Amino acid sequence: MSALRGVEITLLALILLSALAVSWTVHETRRLTSLAQQLQGEHDGLQTEWGQLLLEHSTWGSYTRVERLAREKLNMLSPEGDHKVLVKP
């Protein structure tokens, strides 16, 4: 009888261990899912900001804007035909 009692105790311990492992796995899965959703939201926000920065970059660096500022603020002019120099690398 005592051997049977030892088997029962061992099985009970294994069942409790299994239940604890399932509980921990469910908790960890929920935590990681929440973290993944948070990071996805952050990724989406950064993608939006990146798009806005690209648009701003293209606006600030447009040739017409640079040429206009060079004329207005620096009093620069486009060189005439005989004043142009071609530099080869």
Protein backbone atom coordinates (compact mmCIF):
# COMPACT_ATOMS: atom_id res chain seq x y z
CA MET A 1 0.00 0.00 0.00
CA SER A 2 2.80 2.38 0.77
CA ALA A 3 4.22 2.08 -2.76
CA LEU A 4 0.83 2.98 -4.19
CA ARG A 5 0.64 6.02 -1.89
CA GLY A 6 4.07 7.19 -3.17
CA VAL A 7 2.87 6.92 -6.77
CA GLU A 8 -0.25 8.94 -5.93
CA ILE A 9 1.82 11.67 -4.30
CA THR A 10 4.20 11.75 -7.28
CA LEU A 11 1.30 11.99 -9.74
CA LEU A 12 -0.32 14.74 -7.67
CA ALA A 13 2.94 16.68 -7.61
CA LEU A 14 3.30 16.30 -11.38
CA ILE A 15 -0.28 17.46 -11.94
CA LEU A 16 0.29 20.52 -9.75
CA LEU A 17 3.56 21.26 -11.55
CA SER A 18 1.79 20.95 -14.90
CA ALA A 19 -0.99 23.31 -13.75
CA LEU A 20 1.56 25.87 -12.60
CA ALA A 21 3.41 25.60 -15.92
CA VAL A 22 0.17 26.17 -17.86
CA SER A 23 -0.71 29.15 -15.68
CA TRP A 24 2.74 30.70 -16.14
CA THR A 25 2.63 30.08 -19.91
CA VAL A 26 -0.76 31.80 -20.22
CA HIS A 27 0.48 34.77 -18.18
CA GLU A 28 3.68 35.06 -20.25
CA THR A 29 1.73 34.80 -23.51
CA ARG A 30 -0.59 37.62 -22.46
CA ARG A 31 2.34 39.78 -21.38
CA LEU A 32 4.20 39.25 -24.64
CA THR A 33 1.05 39.86 -26.71
CA SER A 34 0.51 43.14 -24.90
CA LEU A 35 4.12 44.13 -25.47
CA ALA A 36 3.88 43.23 -29.16
CA GLN A 37 0.77 45.41 -29.55
CA GLN A 38 2.49 48.30 -27.77
CA LEU A 39 5.56 48.00 -30.01
CA GLN A 40 3.35 47.78 -33.12
CA GLY A 41 1.66 51.03 -32.11
CA GLU A 42 5.04 52.67 -31.59
CA HIS A 43 6.18 51.36 -34.98
CA ASP A 44 3.10 52.82 -36.67
CA GLY A 45 3.71 56.19 -35.02
CA LEU A 46 7.35 56.21 -36.11
CA GLN A 47 6.36 55.26 -39.67
CA THR A 48 3.96 58.22 -39.77
CA GLU A 49 6.62 60.57 -38.42
CA TRP A 50 9.15 59.24 -40.97
CA GLY A 51 6.72 59.96 -43.81
CA GLN A 52 6.16 63.48 -42.54
CA LEU A 53 9.91 64.08 -42.24
CA LEU A 54 10.49 62.84 -45.79
CA LEU A 55 7.83 65.23 -47.05
CA GLU A 56 9.36 68.10 -45.08
CA HIS A 57 12.83 67.21 -46.36
CA SER A 58 11.70 67.27 -49.96
CA THR A 59 9.95 70.60 -49.39
CA TRP A 60 12.94 72.29 -47.74
CA GLY A 61 15.41 70.95 -50.27
CA SER A 62 13.47 71.64 -53.47
CA TYR A 63 15.52 73.33 -56.18
CA THR A 64 13.00 76.12 -56.69
CA ARG A 65 13.03 76.99 -52.98
CA VAL A 66 16.83 76.95 -52.78
CA GLU A 67 17.11 79.08 -55.91
CA ARG A 68 14.51 81.55 -54.63
CA LEU A 69 16.30 81.91 -51.27
CA ALA A 70 19.67 82.32 -53.02
CA ARG A 71 18.24 85.15 -55.12
CA GLU A 72 16.31 86.87 -52.32
CA LYS A 73 18.58 86.49 -49.29
CA LEU A 74 22.03 86.14 -50.82
CA ASN A 75 21.49 88.26 -53.95
CA MET A 76 22.86 85.44 -56.08
CA LEU A 77 22.24 85.17 -59.81
CA SER A 78 22.57 82.36 -62.30
CA PRO A 79 25.81 82.74 -64.23
CA GLU A 80 25.66 83.75 -67.90
CA GLY A 81 26.81 81.31 -70.56
CA ASP A 82 30.47 82.37 -70.68
CA HIS A 83 30.78 82.46 -66.87
CA LYS A 84 29.77 78.81 -66.41
CA VAL A 85 32.58 76.35 -65.63
CA LEU A 86 32.24 72.61 -66.08
CA VAL A 87 34.18 70.61 -63.53
CA LYS A 88 34.86 66.97 -64.35
CA PRO A 89 35.62 64.51 -61.57
